[in-house]
Amino acid sequence: MTHTGNPFGQVLVALVTPMTADGEVDWPAVEKHIDDVITAGADGIVVTGTTGETSTLTDAEKIRLVEIGKDVASGRAKIITGGGSNETAHAIELYKASEKAGADGLMIVTPYYNKPTQAGILTHFRLVADATDLPVILYDIPGRTGVPINYETILRLAKHPNILAIKDAKGDFSEVSRVLNQTDLMYFSGDDANILPHLAIGATGLIGVTANIAPAPYRAIIDAVNAGDLTAATAEHRRLEPLVRAVMTHVPGTVSAKYILHGLGRIGSPRVRLPLVGPEEWEAAKIEDELALVVDVAGADFSNFRPDRNAAAGGALPKVSGTTR
């Protein structure tokens, strides 16, 4: 299929998956949270990604998240399905089902744990992209997968007609510039602290964790960069810095984002699934200290913040285990 323009959006939220206290997906809370972030300025939602706890969601839950996302978005934002699998056959099956469920695009992560060679990575991405007509974002996050997508491999993958973009969580700005110079790939910043620097050298947008809490400032940054107003974009970036630090520094972003959203009253429970656990006392204290420094961030009013360390403690074992076929 030929894809024109940007089929993903620019302000993409790496969506948390709200859960009940016993670790089951809280489907009404999912609907509310998706509507909240779209209303606040997101034009793309990545469900079932790292932040969505993809490793401990079942395939049925992943497909349902796509269906609910499409229904709630109702054309206001694109729904991208993330996660995938480190088994190529399983990834193909899952993405085909996601396409049938209505996904607008795919975000395919480098196979994790297996640590394939670059030839294996190339084959994995090509076969998955061949199996769908949807536009594809490659997800390069060696800190989690164990292996990077090498520069030469990115150049080869860029020739695939369905591979249109890459989410960068590697932090190699010189490589980003080289790829942007030599391909037509769109770049999405996957590092909340470096979103503005990525945009400044030509990135298309962001896929952010902190945007679960405050999408509006990211909308403002994107709009300012699009208008060539670096001063306004920098001001928003600086205001966001303590919030980004609170979310991304002390515990996994999923854990902190849920802790904060629950303290703001936006989700009913901060629960995560094991092996993730809620913040320990000292970690929660550090998060709260950072939040005390947040001032004038649109959509992030902490004057009525009510964190619940007891509710966040530990992790849940759901009734149905893990990713299943």
C-alpha atoms as a PDB file:
ATOM      1  CA  MET A   1       0.000   0.000   0.000  1.00  0.00           C
ATOM      2  CA  THR A   2       1.200   3.529  -0.722  1.00  0.00           C
ATOM      3  CA  HIS A   3       1.088   5.835   2.304  1.00  0.00           C
ATOM      4  CA  THR A   4       1.235   9.588   1.860  1.00  0.00           C
ATOM      5  CA  GLY A   5       1.950  12.216   4.474  1.00  0.00           C
ATOM      6  CA  ASN A   6       2.047  11.361   8.167  1.00  0.00           C
ATOM      7  CA  PRO A   7      -0.474   8.621   9.058  1.00  0.00           C
ATOM      8  CA  PHE A   8       0.459   8.552  12.758  1.00  0.00           C
ATOM      9  CA  GLY A   9       0.028  12.048  14.194  1.00  0.00           C
ATOM     10  CA  GLN A  10       2.679  14.074  16.005  1.00  0.00           C
ATOM     11  CA  VAL A  11       1.716  14.031  19.695  1.00  0.00           C
ATOM     12  CA  LEU A  12       1.480  10.328  20.460  1.00  0.00           C
ATOM     13  CA  VAL A  13       0.810   9.070  23.989  1.00  0.00           C
ATOM     14  CA  ALA A  14       2.493   5.828  25.043  1.00  0.00           C
ATOM     15  CA  LEU A  15      -0.675   4.855  26.872  1.00  0.00           C
ATOM     16  CA  VAL A  16      -0.722   3.231  30.288  1.00  0.00           C
ATOM     17  CA  THR A  17      -3.250   0.422  30.668  1.00  0.00           C
ATOM     18  CA  PRO A  18      -5.397   1.272  33.732  1.00  0.00           C
ATOM     19  CA  MET A  19      -6.062  -1.743  35.930  1.00  0.00           C
ATOM     20  CA  THR A  20      -8.151  -2.603  38.946  1.00  0.00           C
ATOM     21  CA  ALA A  21      -6.583  -3.303  42.330  1.00  0.00           C
ATOM     22  CA  ASP A  22      -6.480  -7.033  41.501  1.00  0.00           C
ATOM     23  CA  GLY A  23      -4.648  -6.468  38.223  1.00  0.00           C
ATOM     24  CA  GLU A  24      -7.478  -6.864  35.737  1.00  0.00           C
ATOM     25  CA  VAL A  25      -7.794  -4.299  32.946  1.00  0.00           C
ATOM     26  CA  ASP A  26     -10.173  -1.536  34.032  1.00  0.00           C
ATOM     27  CA  TRP A  27     -12.003  -1.112  30.734  1.00  0.00           C
ATOM     28  CA  PRO A  28     -14.125   1.930  31.711  1.00  0.00           C
ATOM     29  CA  ALA A  29     -10.949   3.637  32.957  1.00  0.00           C
ATOM     30  CA  VAL A  30      -9.228   2.814  29.652  1.00  0.00           C
ATOM     31  CA  GLU A  31     -12.031   4.549  27.764  1.00  0.00           C
ATOM     32  CA  LYS A  32     -11.912   7.580  30.035  1.00  0.00           C
ATOM     33  CA  HIS A  33      -8.134   7.894  29.901  1.00  0.00           C
ATOM     34  CA  ILE A  34      -8.017   7.674  26.100  1.00  0.00           C
ATOM     35  CA  ASP A  35     -10.712  10.338  25.829  1.00  0.00           C
ATOM     36  CA  ASP A  36      -8.883  12.540  28.359  1.00  0.00           C
ATOM     37  CA  VAL A  37      -5.559  12.545  26.498  1.00  0.00           C
ATOM     38  CA  ILE A  38      -7.174  13.096  23.100  1.00  0.00           C
ATOM     39  CA  THR A  39      -9.226  15.987  24.469  1.00  0.00           C
ATOM     40  CA  ALA A  40      -6.008  17.466  25.896  1.00  0.00           C
ATOM     41  CA  GLY A  41      -4.223  17.476  22.542  1.00  0.00           C
ATOM     42  CA  ALA A  42      -2.964  14.012  21.594  1.00  0.00           C
ATOM     43  CA  ASP A  43      -3.471  13.074  17.958  1.00  0.00           C
ATOM     44  CA  GLY A  44      -2.078   9.559  18.281  1.00  0.00           C
ATOM     45  CA  ILE A  45      -2.360   6.805  20.895  1.00  0.00           C
ATOM     46  CA  VAL A  46       0.050   3.881  21.173  1.00  0.00           C
ATOM     47  CA  VAL A  47      -1.751   1.080  22.993  1.00  0.00           C
ATOM     48  CA  THR A  48      -0.050  -2.118  24.217  1.00  0.00           C
ATOM     49  CA  GLY A  49       3.429  -0.625  24.093  1.00  0.00           C
ATOM     50  CA  THR A  50       6.087  -0.822  26.801  1.00  0.00           C
ATOM     51  CA  THR A  51       4.215   1.712  28.929  1.00  0.00           C
ATOM     52  CA  GLY A  52       0.992  -0.229  28.405  1.00  0.00           C
ATOM     53  CA  GLU A  53       2.591  -3.326  30.008  1.00  0.00           C
ATOM     54  CA  THR A  54       2.570  -5.277  26.771  1.00  0.00           C
ATOM     55  CA  SER A  55       4.700  -8.077  28.239  1.00  0.00           C
ATOM     56  CA  THR A  56       1.968  -9.056  30.700  1.00  0.00           C
ATOM     57  CA  LEU A  57      -1.117  -8.418  28.560  1.00  0.00           C
ATOM     58  CA  THR A  58      -2.819 -11.325  26.831  1.00  0.00           C
ATOM     59  CA  ASP A  59      -3.355 -11.149  23.095  1.00  0.00           C
ATOM     60  CA  ALA A  60      -7.095 -10.867  23.665  1.00  0.00           C
ATOM     61  CA  GLU A  61      -6.520  -7.829  25.872  1.00  0.00           C
ATOM     62  CA  LYS A  62      -4.244  -6.264  23.263  1.00  0.00           C
ATOM     63  CA  ILE A  63      -6.849  -6.623  20.535  1.00  0.00           C
ATOM     64  CA  ARG A  64      -9.570  -5.261  22.811  1.00  0.00           C
ATOM     65  CA  LEU A  65      -7.427  -2.201  23.561  1.00  0.00           C
ATOM     66  CA  VAL A  66      -7.214  -1.477  19.828  1.00  0.00           C
ATOM     67  CA  GLU A  67     -10.980  -1.864  19.456  1.00  0.00           C
ATOM     68  CA  ILE A  68     -11.731   0.427  22.393  1.00  0.00           C
ATOM     69  CA  GLY A  69      -9.150   2.947  21.205  1.00  0.00           C
ATOM     70  CA  LYS A  70     -10.766   3.140  17.786  1.00  0.00           C
ATOM     71  CA  ASP A  71     -14.212   3.506  19.286  1.00  0.00           C
ATOM     72  CA  VAL A  72     -13.249   6.227  21.749  1.00  0.00           C
ATOM     73  CA  ALA A  73     -11.030   8.129  19.311  1.00  0.00           C
ATOM     74  CA  SER A  74     -13.806   8.181  16.734  1.00  0.00           C
ATOM     75  CA  GLY A  75     -11.505   9.721  14.151  1.00  0.00           C
ATOM     76  CA  ARG A  76      -9.975  12.300  16.502  1.00  0.00           C
ATOM     77  CA  ALA A  77      -6.654  10.439  16.879  1.00  0.00           C
ATOM     78  CA  LYS A  78      -4.797   7.547  15.284  1.00  0.00           C
ATOM     79  CA  ILE A  79      -4.593   4.253  17.172  1.00  0.00           C
ATOM     80  CA  ILE A  80      -1.218   2.547  16.891  1.00  0.00           C
ATOM     81  CA  THR A  81      -0.664  -0.929  18.293  1.00  0.00           C
ATOM     82  CA  GLY A  82       2.727  -1.528  19.894  1.00  0.00           C
ATOM     83  CA  GLY A  83       4.492  -4.389  21.588  1.00  0.00           C
ATOM     84  CA  GLY A  84       4.559  -7.254  19.169  1.00  0.00           C
ATOM     85  CA  SER A  85       6.566 -10.319  20.063  1.00  0.00           C
ATOM     86  CA  ASN A  86      10.098 -11.649  20.016  1.00  0.00           C
ATOM     87  CA  GLU A  87       8.740 -14.609  18.027  1.00  0.00           C
ATOM     88  CA  THR A  88       8.299 -13.536  14.418  1.00  0.00           C
ATOM     89  CA  ALA A  89       5.379 -15.884  13.713  1.00  0.00           C
ATOM     90  CA  HIS A  90       3.536 -14.663  16.815  1.00  0.00           C
ATOM     91  CA  ALA A  91       4.216 -11.033  15.930  1.00  0.00           C
ATOM     92  CA  ILE A  92       2.757 -11.530  12.455  1.00  0.00           C
ATOM     93  CA  GLU A  93      -0.357 -13.162  13.893  1.00  0.00           C
ATOM     94  CA  LEU A  94      -0.820 -10.433  16.486  1.00  0.00           C
ATOM     95  CA  TYR A  95      -0.393  -7.552  14.046  1.00  0.00           C
ATOM     96  CA  LYS A  96      -2.767  -9.124  11.535  1.00  0.00           C
ATOM     97  CA  ALA A  97      -5.372  -9.363  14.284  1.00  0.00           C
ATOM     98  CA  SER A  98      -4.676  -5.749  15.283  1.00  0.00           C
ATOM     99  CA  GLU A  99      -5.182  -4.599  11.700  1.00  0.00           C
ATOM    100  CA  LYS A 100      -8.488  -6.471  11.570  1.00  0.00           C
ATOM    101  CA  ALA A 101      -9.486  -4.796  14.867  1.00  0.00           C
ATOM    102  CA  GLY A 102      -9.023  -1.382  13.269  1.00  0.00           C
ATOM    103  CA  ALA A 103      -5.482  -0.258  14.134  1.00  0.00           C
ATOM    104  CA  ASP A 104      -4.236   2.689  12.084  1.00  0.00           C
ATOM    105  CA  GLY A 105      -0.594   1.660  12.330  1.00  0.00           C
ATOM    106  CA  LEU A 106       1.915  -0.700  13.908  1.00  0.00           C
ATOM    107  CA  MET A 107       4.905  -0.074  16.136  1.00  0.00           C
ATOM    108  CA  ILE A 108       7.228  -3.080  15.921  1.00  0.00           C
ATOM    109  CA  VAL A 109       9.854  -3.498  18.620  1.00  0.00           C
ATOM    110  CA  THR A 110      13.224  -5.127  18.024  1.00  0.00           C
ATOM    111  CA  PRO A 111      13.022  -8.779  19.126  1.00  0.00           C
ATOM    112  CA  TYR A 112      14.033  -8.824  22.779  1.00  0.00           C
ATOM    113  CA  TYR A 113      15.885 -11.451  24.811  1.00  0.00           C
ATOM    114  CA  ASN A 114      16.776 -13.526  21.706  1.00  0.00           C
ATOM    115  CA  LYS A 115      19.459 -10.932  20.787  1.00  0.00           C
ATOM    116  CA  PRO A 116      19.299 -11.674  17.036  1.00  0.00           C
ATOM    117  CA  THR A 117      21.972 -10.545  14.608  1.00  0.00           C
ATOM    118  CA  GLN A 118      21.269  -7.586  12.346  1.00  0.00           C
ATOM    119  CA  ALA A 119      20.274 -10.074   9.633  1.00  0.00           C
ATOM    120  CA  GLY A 120      17.706 -11.550  12.003  1.00  0.00           C
ATOM    121  CA  ILE A 121      16.401  -8.104  12.939  1.00  0.00           C
ATOM    122  CA  LEU A 122      16.126  -7.173   9.267  1.00  0.00           C
ATOM    123  CA  THR A 123      14.231 -10.366   8.454  1.00  0.00           C
ATOM    124  CA  HIS A 124      11.880  -9.988  11.434  1.00  0.00           C
ATOM    125  CA  PHE A 125      10.887  -6.439  10.526  1.00  0.00           C
ATOM    126  CA  ARG A 126      10.519  -7.202   6.826  1.00  0.00           C
ATOM    127  CA  LEU A 127       8.315 -10.248   7.374  1.00  0.00           C
ATOM    128  CA  VAL A 128       6.039  -8.438   9.814  1.00  0.00           C
ATOM    129  CA  ALA A 129       5.790  -5.407   7.504  1.00  0.00           C
ATOM    130  CA  ASP A 130       5.049  -7.725   4.568  1.00  0.00           C
ATOM    131  CA  ALA A 131       2.131  -9.241   6.479  1.00  0.00           C
ATOM    132  CA  THR A 132       0.138  -6.003   6.764  1.00  0.00           C
ATOM    133  CA  ASP A 133      -0.980  -3.030   4.720  1.00  0.00           C
ATOM    134  CA  LEU A 134      -0.663  -0.741   7.743  1.00  0.00           C
ATOM    135  CA  PRO A 135       2.109   1.851   8.077  1.00  0.00           C
ATOM    136  CA  VAL A 136       4.905   0.742  10.384  1.00  0.00           C
ATOM    137  CA  ILE A 137       7.001   2.479  13.035  1.00  0.00           C
ATOM    138  CA  LEU A 138      10.220   0.662  13.978  1.00  0.00           C
ATOM    139  CA  TYR A 139      10.954   0.803  17.710  1.00  0.00           C
ATOM    140  CA  ASP A 140      14.664   1.075  18.524  1.00  0.00           C
ATOM    141  CA  ILE A 141      15.189   0.686  22.283  1.00  0.00           C
ATOM    142  CA  PRO A 142      18.366  -1.318  22.942  1.00  0.00           C
ATOM    143  CA  GLY A 143      18.206  -0.628  26.674  1.00  0.00           C
ATOM    144  CA  ARG A 144      15.235  -3.000  26.835  1.00  0.00           C
ATOM    145  CA  THR A 145      15.807  -5.328  23.888  1.00  0.00           C
ATOM    146  CA  GLY A 146      19.531  -5.901  24.313  1.00  0.00           C
ATOM    147  CA  VAL A 147      20.371  -5.036  20.697  1.00  0.00           C
ATOM    148  CA  PRO A 148      20.161  -1.829  18.655  1.00  0.00           C
ATOM    149  CA  ILE A 149      18.930  -1.485  15.110  1.00  0.00           C
ATOM    150  CA  ASN A 150      22.211  -0.565  13.451  1.00  0.00           C
ATOM    151  CA  TYR A 151      22.437   2.415  11.124  1.00  0.00           C
ATOM    152  CA  GLU A 152      22.998   0.229   8.058  1.00  0.00           C
ATOM    153  CA  THR A 153      19.999  -1.922   8.963  1.00  0.00           C
ATOM    154  CA  ILE A 154      17.794   1.169   9.312  1.00  0.00           C
ATOM    155  CA  LEU A 155      18.832   2.287   5.811  1.00  0.00           C
ATOM    156  CA  ARG A 156      17.862  -1.089   4.377  1.00  0.00           C
ATOM    157  CA  LEU A 157      14.547  -1.199   6.240  1.00  0.00           C
ATOM    158  CA  ALA A 158      13.701   2.324   5.032  1.00  0.00           C
ATOM    159  CA  LYS A 159      13.320   0.902   1.529  1.00  0.00           C
ATOM    160  CA  HIS A 160      10.299  -1.188   2.580  1.00  0.00           C
ATOM    161  CA  PRO A 161       7.113   0.542   1.352  1.00  0.00           C
ATOM    162  CA  ASN A 162       5.238   0.032   4.646  1.00  0.00           C
ATOM    163  CA  ILE A 163       8.063   1.082   6.983  1.00  0.00           C
ATOM    164  CA  LEU A 164       7.606   4.830   7.316  1.00  0.00           C
ATOM    165  CA  ALA A 165       9.010   5.799  10.694  1.00  0.00           C
ATOM    166  CA  ILE A 166      11.195   4.957  13.653  1.00  0.00           C
ATOM    167  CA  LYS A 167      10.750   5.594  17.362  1.00  0.00           C
ATOM    168  CA  ASP A 168      14.157   6.444  18.770  1.00  0.00           C
ATOM    169  CA  ALA A 169      14.979   5.602  22.374  1.00  0.00           C
ATOM    170  CA  LYS A 170      18.684   5.155  21.672  1.00  0.00           C
ATOM    171  CA  GLY A 171      19.746   8.770  22.098  1.00  0.00           C
ATOM    172  CA  ASP A 172      22.312   8.888  19.277  1.00  0.00           C
ATOM    173  CA  PHE A 173      21.557  12.287  17.779  1.00  0.00           C
ATOM    174  CA  SER A 174      24.278  12.065  15.151  1.00  0.00           C
ATOM    175  CA  GLU A 175      22.715   8.844  13.847  1.00  0.00           C
ATOM    176  CA  VAL A 176      19.280  10.472  13.770  1.00  0.00           C
ATOM    177  CA  SER A 177      20.684  13.236  11.570  1.00  0.00           C
ATOM    178  CA  ARG A 178      22.391  10.733   9.261  1.00  0.00           C
ATOM    179  CA  VAL A 179      19.199   8.713   8.804  1.00  0.00           C
ATOM    180  CA  LEU A 180      17.104  11.837   8.240  1.00  0.00           C
ATOM    181  CA  ASN A 181      19.609  12.949   5.603  1.00  0.00           C
ATOM    182  CA  GLN A 182      19.621   9.623   3.771  1.00  0.00           C
ATOM    183  CA  THR A 183      16.049   8.320   4.057  1.00  0.00           C
ATOM    184  CA  ASP A 184      12.462   9.542   4.046  1.00  0.00           C
ATOM    185  CA  LEU A 185      11.773   7.970   7.456  1.00  0.00           C
ATOM    186  CA  MET A 186       9.878  10.004  10.011  1.00  0.00           C
ATOM    187  CA  TYR A 187      11.514  10.094  13.439  1.00  0.00           C
ATOM    188  CA  PHE A 188       9.543  10.005  16.697  1.00  0.00           C
ATOM    189  CA  SER A 189      11.317  10.825  19.929  1.00  0.00           C
ATOM    190  CA  GLY A 190      10.991   8.002  22.430  1.00  0.00           C
ATOM    191  CA  ASP A 191      12.875   9.743  25.217  1.00  0.00           C
ATOM    192  CA  ASP A 192      10.750  12.249  27.155  1.00  0.00           C
ATOM    193  CA  ALA A 193      13.768  14.288  28.262  1.00  0.00           C
ATOM    194  CA  ASN A 194      15.010  14.722  24.683  1.00  0.00           C
ATOM    195  CA  ILE A 195      11.816  15.450  22.786  1.00  0.00           C
ATOM    196  CA  LEU A 196      12.661  19.058  21.960  1.00  0.00           C
ATOM    197  CA  PRO A 197      16.255  18.273  20.901  1.00  0.00           C
ATOM    198  CA  HIS A 198      14.925  15.543  18.610  1.00  0.00           C
ATOM    199  CA  LEU A 199      12.376  17.932  17.108  1.00  0.00           C
ATOM    200  CA  ALA A 200      15.072  20.596  16.673  1.00  0.00           C
ATOM    201  CA  ILE A 201      17.056  18.340  14.330  1.00  0.00           C
ATOM    202  CA  GLY A 202      14.064  17.269  12.288  1.00  0.00           C
ATOM    203  CA  ALA A 203      12.015  14.681  14.172  1.00  0.00           C
ATOM    204  CA  THR A 204       8.335  14.503  13.236  1.00  0.00           C
ATOM    205  CA  GLY A 205       6.879  14.064  16.699  1.00  0.00           C
ATOM    206  CA  LEU A 206       6.995  12.173  19.972  1.00  0.00           C
ATOM    207  CA  ILE A 207       5.729   9.012  21.601  1.00  0.00           C
ATOM    208  CA  GLY A 208       5.737  10.027  25.234  1.00  0.00           C
ATOM    209  CA  VAL A 209       5.060   8.536  28.658  1.00  0.00           C
ATOM    210  CA  THR A 210       4.723  11.861  30.473  1.00  0.00           C
ATOM    211  CA  ALA A 211       2.042  12.796  27.949  1.00  0.00           C
ATOM    212  CA  ASN A 212      -0.282  10.426  29.853  1.00  0.00           C
ATOM    213  CA  ILE A 213      -0.351  13.114  32.530  1.00  0.00           C
ATOM    214  CA  ALA A 214      -0.012  16.294  30.461  1.00  0.00           C
ATOM    215  CA  PRO A 215      -0.507  16.052  26.683  1.00  0.00           C
ATOM    216  CA  ALA A 216      -1.264  19.775  26.274  1.00  0.00           C
ATOM    217  CA  PRO A 217       2.331  21.018  26.748  1.00  0.00           C
ATOM    218  CA  TYR A 218       3.536  18.565  24.121  1.00  0.00           C
ATOM    219  CA  ARG A 219       0.872  19.834  21.758  1.00  0.00           C
ATOM    220  CA  ALA A 220       2.193  23.337  22.466  1.00  0.00           C
ATOM    221  CA  ILE A 221       5.795  22.258  21.792  1.00  0.00           C
ATOM    222  CA  ILE A 222       4.853  20.603  18.501  1.00  0.00           C
ATOM    223  CA  ASP A 223       2.772  23.585  17.386  1.00  0.00           C
ATOM    224  CA  ALA A 224       5.586  25.984  18.301  1.00  0.00           C
ATOM    225  CA  VAL A 225       8.207  23.945  16.428  1.00  0.00           C
ATOM    226  CA  ASN A 226       5.896  23.702  13.412  1.00  0.00           C
ATOM    227  CA  ALA A 227       5.582  27.489  13.509  1.00  0.00           C
ATOM    228  CA  GLY A 228       9.342  27.965  13.841  1.00  0.00           C
ATOM    229  CA  ASP A 229       9.031  29.424  17.340  1.00  0.00           C
ATOM    230  CA  LEU A 230      11.900  27.786  19.216  1.00  0.00           C
ATOM    231  CA  THR A 231      11.607  30.255  22.090  1.00  0.00           C
ATOM    232  CA  ALA A 232       8.050  29.185  22.903  1.00  0.00           C
ATOM    233  CA  ALA A 233       8.941  25.499  22.477  1.00  0.00           C
ATOM    234  CA  THR A 234      11.912  25.882  24.818  1.00  0.00           C
ATOM    235  CA  ALA A 235       9.783  27.571  27.471  1.00  0.00           C
ATOM    236  CA  GLU A 236       7.352  24.621  27.448  1.00  0.00           C
ATOM    237  CA  HIS A 237      10.252  22.166  27.522  1.00  0.00           C
ATOM    238  CA  ARG A 238      11.724  23.842  30.605  1.00  0.00           C
ATOM    239  CA  ARG A 239       8.391  23.911  32.437  1.00  0.00           C
ATOM    240  CA  LEU A 240       7.979  20.180  31.767  1.00  0.00           C
ATOM    241  CA  GLU A 241      11.443  19.231  32.999  1.00  0.00           C
ATOM    242  CA  PRO A 242      10.578  18.433  36.672  1.00  0.00           C
ATOM    243  CA  LEU A 243       7.487  16.469  35.624  1.00  0.00           C
ATOM    244  CA  VAL A 244       9.540  14.454  33.138  1.00  0.00           C
ATOM    245  CA  ARG A 245      12.117  13.824  35.852  1.00  0.00           C
ATOM    246  CA  ALA A 246       9.391  12.632  38.229  1.00  0.00           C
ATOM    247  CA  VAL A 247       7.980  10.216  35.670  1.00  0.00           C
ATOM    248  CA  MET A 248      11.122   8.895  34.021  1.00  0.00           C
ATOM    249  CA  THR A 249      13.917   8.854  36.620  1.00  0.00           C
ATOM    250  CA  HIS A 250      13.156   6.858  39.763  1.00  0.00           C
ATOM    251  CA  VAL A 251      11.022   3.867  38.700  1.00  0.00           C
ATOM    252  CA  PRO A 252       9.812   2.512  35.349  1.00  0.00           C
ATOM    253  CA  GLY A 253       7.670   5.099  33.564  1.00  0.00           C
ATOM    254  CA  THR A 254       4.604   2.858  33.693  1.00  0.00           C
ATOM    255  CA  VAL A 255       4.809   2.672  37.481  1.00  0.00           C
ATOM    256  CA  SER A 256       5.312   6.383  38.068  1.00  0.00           C
ATOM    257  CA  ALA A 257       2.716   7.455  35.498  1.00  0.00           C
ATOM    258  CA  LYS A 258       0.062   5.270  37.137  1.00  0.00           C
ATOM    259  CA  TYR A 259       1.087   6.460  40.599  1.00  0.00           C
ATOM    260  CA  ILE A 260       0.711  10.073  39.516  1.00  0.00           C
ATOM    261  CA  LEU A 261      -2.509   9.581  37.545  1.00  0.00           C
ATOM    262  CA  HIS A 262      -4.069   7.841  40.547  1.00  0.00           C
ATOM    263  CA  GLY A 263      -2.955  10.630  42.878  1.00  0.00           C
ATOM    264  CA  LEU A 264      -4.642  13.103  40.535  1.00  0.00           C
ATOM    265  CA  GLY A 265      -7.864  11.059  40.624  1.00  0.00           C
ATOM    266  CA  ARG A 266      -7.744  10.217  36.912  1.00  0.00           C
ATOM    267  CA  ILE A 267      -7.568   6.428  37.295  1.00  0.00           C
ATOM    268  CA  GLY A 268      -9.079   4.246  40.000  1.00  0.00           C
ATOM    269  CA  SER A 269      -5.952   2.292  40.931  1.00  0.00           C
ATOM    270  CA  PRO A 270      -2.186   2.644  40.454  1.00  0.00           C
ATOM    271  CA  ARG A 271      -1.811  -1.140  40.185  1.00  0.00           C
ATOM    272  CA  VAL A 272       0.727  -2.706  37.818  1.00  0.00           C
ATOM    273  CA  ARG A 273       1.193  -6.379  36.977  1.00  0.00           C
ATOM    274  CA  LEU A 274       4.112  -8.393  38.300  1.00  0.00           C
ATOM    275  CA  PRO A 275       7.032  -8.429  37.912  1.00  0.00           C
ATOM    276  CA  LEU A 276       6.485  -4.638  37.979  1.00  0.00           C
ATOM    277  CA  VAL A 277       5.671  -3.307  41.427  1.00  0.00           C
ATOM    278  CA  GLY A 278       4.630   0.070  42.751  1.00  0.00           C
ATOM    279  CA  PRO A 279       7.199   2.516  44.085  1.00  0.00           C
ATOM    280  CA  GLU A 280       8.836   1.811  47.422  1.00  0.00           C
ATOM    281  CA  GLU A 281       8.522   4.480  50.100  1.00  0.00           C
ATOM    282  CA  TRP A 282      11.784   6.203  49.216  1.00  0.00           C
ATOM    283  CA  GLU A 283      11.000   6.095  45.490  1.00  0.00           C
ATOM    284  CA  ALA A 284       7.528   7.547  46.063  1.00  0.00           C
ATOM    285  CA  ALA A 285       9.068  10.299  48.169  1.00  0.00           C
ATOM    286  CA  LYS A 286      11.466  11.222  45.358  1.00  0.00           C
ATOM    287  CA  ILE A 287       8.617  11.305  42.813  1.00  0.00           C
ATOM    288  CA  GLU A 288       6.590  13.552  45.100  1.00  0.00           C
ATOM    289  CA  ASP A 289       9.581  15.858  45.673  1.00  0.00           C
ATOM    290  CA  GLU A 290       9.943  16.315  41.899  1.00  0.00           C
ATOM    291  CA  LEU A 291       6.226  16.993  41.502  1.00  0.00           C
ATOM    292  CA  ALA A 292       6.466  19.768  44.080  1.00  0.00           C
ATOM    293  CA  LEU A 293       8.644  21.633  41.563  1.00  0.00           C
ATOM    294  CA  VAL A 294       6.083  21.475  38.746  1.00  0.00           C
ATOM    295  CA  VAL A 295       4.667  24.946  38.057  1.00  0.00           C
ATOM    296  CA  ASP A 296       2.416  26.267  35.282  1.00  0.00           C
ATOM    297  CA  VAL A 297       2.226  23.011  33.321  1.00  0.00           C
ATOM    298  CA  ALA A 298      -1.098  22.833  31.505  1.00  0.00           C
ATOM    299  CA  GLY A 299      -3.184  19.895  32.692  1.00  0.00           C
ATOM    300  CA  ALA A 300      -0.877  19.108  35.612  1.00  0.00           C
ATOM    301  CA  ASP A 301      -2.280  20.855  38.677  1.00  0.00           C
ATOM    302  CA  PHE A 302      -0.844  19.145  41.750  1.00  0.00           C
ATOM    303  CA  SER A 303      -2.542  21.346  44.353  1.00  0.00           C
ATOM    304  CA  ASN A 304      -5.000  18.512  45.049  1.00  0.00           C
ATOM    305  CA  PHE A 305      -2.549  15.657  44.472  1.00  0.00           C
ATOM    306  CA  ARG A 306      -3.341  12.781  46.833  1.00  0.00           C
ATOM    307  CA  PRO A 307      -0.802   9.985  46.388  1.00  0.00           C
ATOM    308  CA  ASP A 308      -1.618   6.590  47.899  1.00  0.00           C
ATOM    309  CA  ARG A 309       1.550   4.637  48.558  1.00  0.00           C
ATOM    310  CA  ASN A 310      -0.354   1.717  50.082  1.00  0.00           C
ATOM    311  CA  ALA A 311      -2.576   1.314  47.013  1.00  0.00           C
ATOM    312  CA  ALA A 312       0.500   1.361  44.766  1.00  0.00           C
ATOM    313  CA  ALA A 313       2.555  -1.101  46.810  1.00  0.00           C
ATOM    314  CA  GLY A 314       3.387  -4.467  45.311  1.00  0.00           C
ATOM    315  CA  GLY A 315       2.119  -5.869  42.032  1.00  0.00           C
ATOM    316  CA  ALA A 316      -0.775  -7.975  40.833  1.00  0.00           C
ATOM    317  CA  LEU A 317      -1.101 -11.507  39.468  1.00  0.00           C
ATOM    318  CA  PRO A 318      -3.963 -11.490  36.923  1.00  0.00           C
ATOM    319  CA  LYS A 319      -6.342 -14.398  36.465  1.00  0.00           C
ATOM    320  CA  VAL A 320      -5.079 -15.173  32.944  1.00  0.00           C
ATOM    321  CA  SER A 321      -1.317 -15.272  32.530  1.00  0.00           C
ATOM    322  CA  GLY A 322       0.807 -13.358  30.090  1.00  0.00           C
ATOM    323  CA  THR A 323       0.880 -13.139  26.341  1.00  0.00           C
ATOM    324  CA  THR A 324      -0.892 -16.140  24.869  1.00  0.00           C
ATOM    325  CA  ARG A 325      -1.707 -17.395  21.396  1.00  0.00           C
END
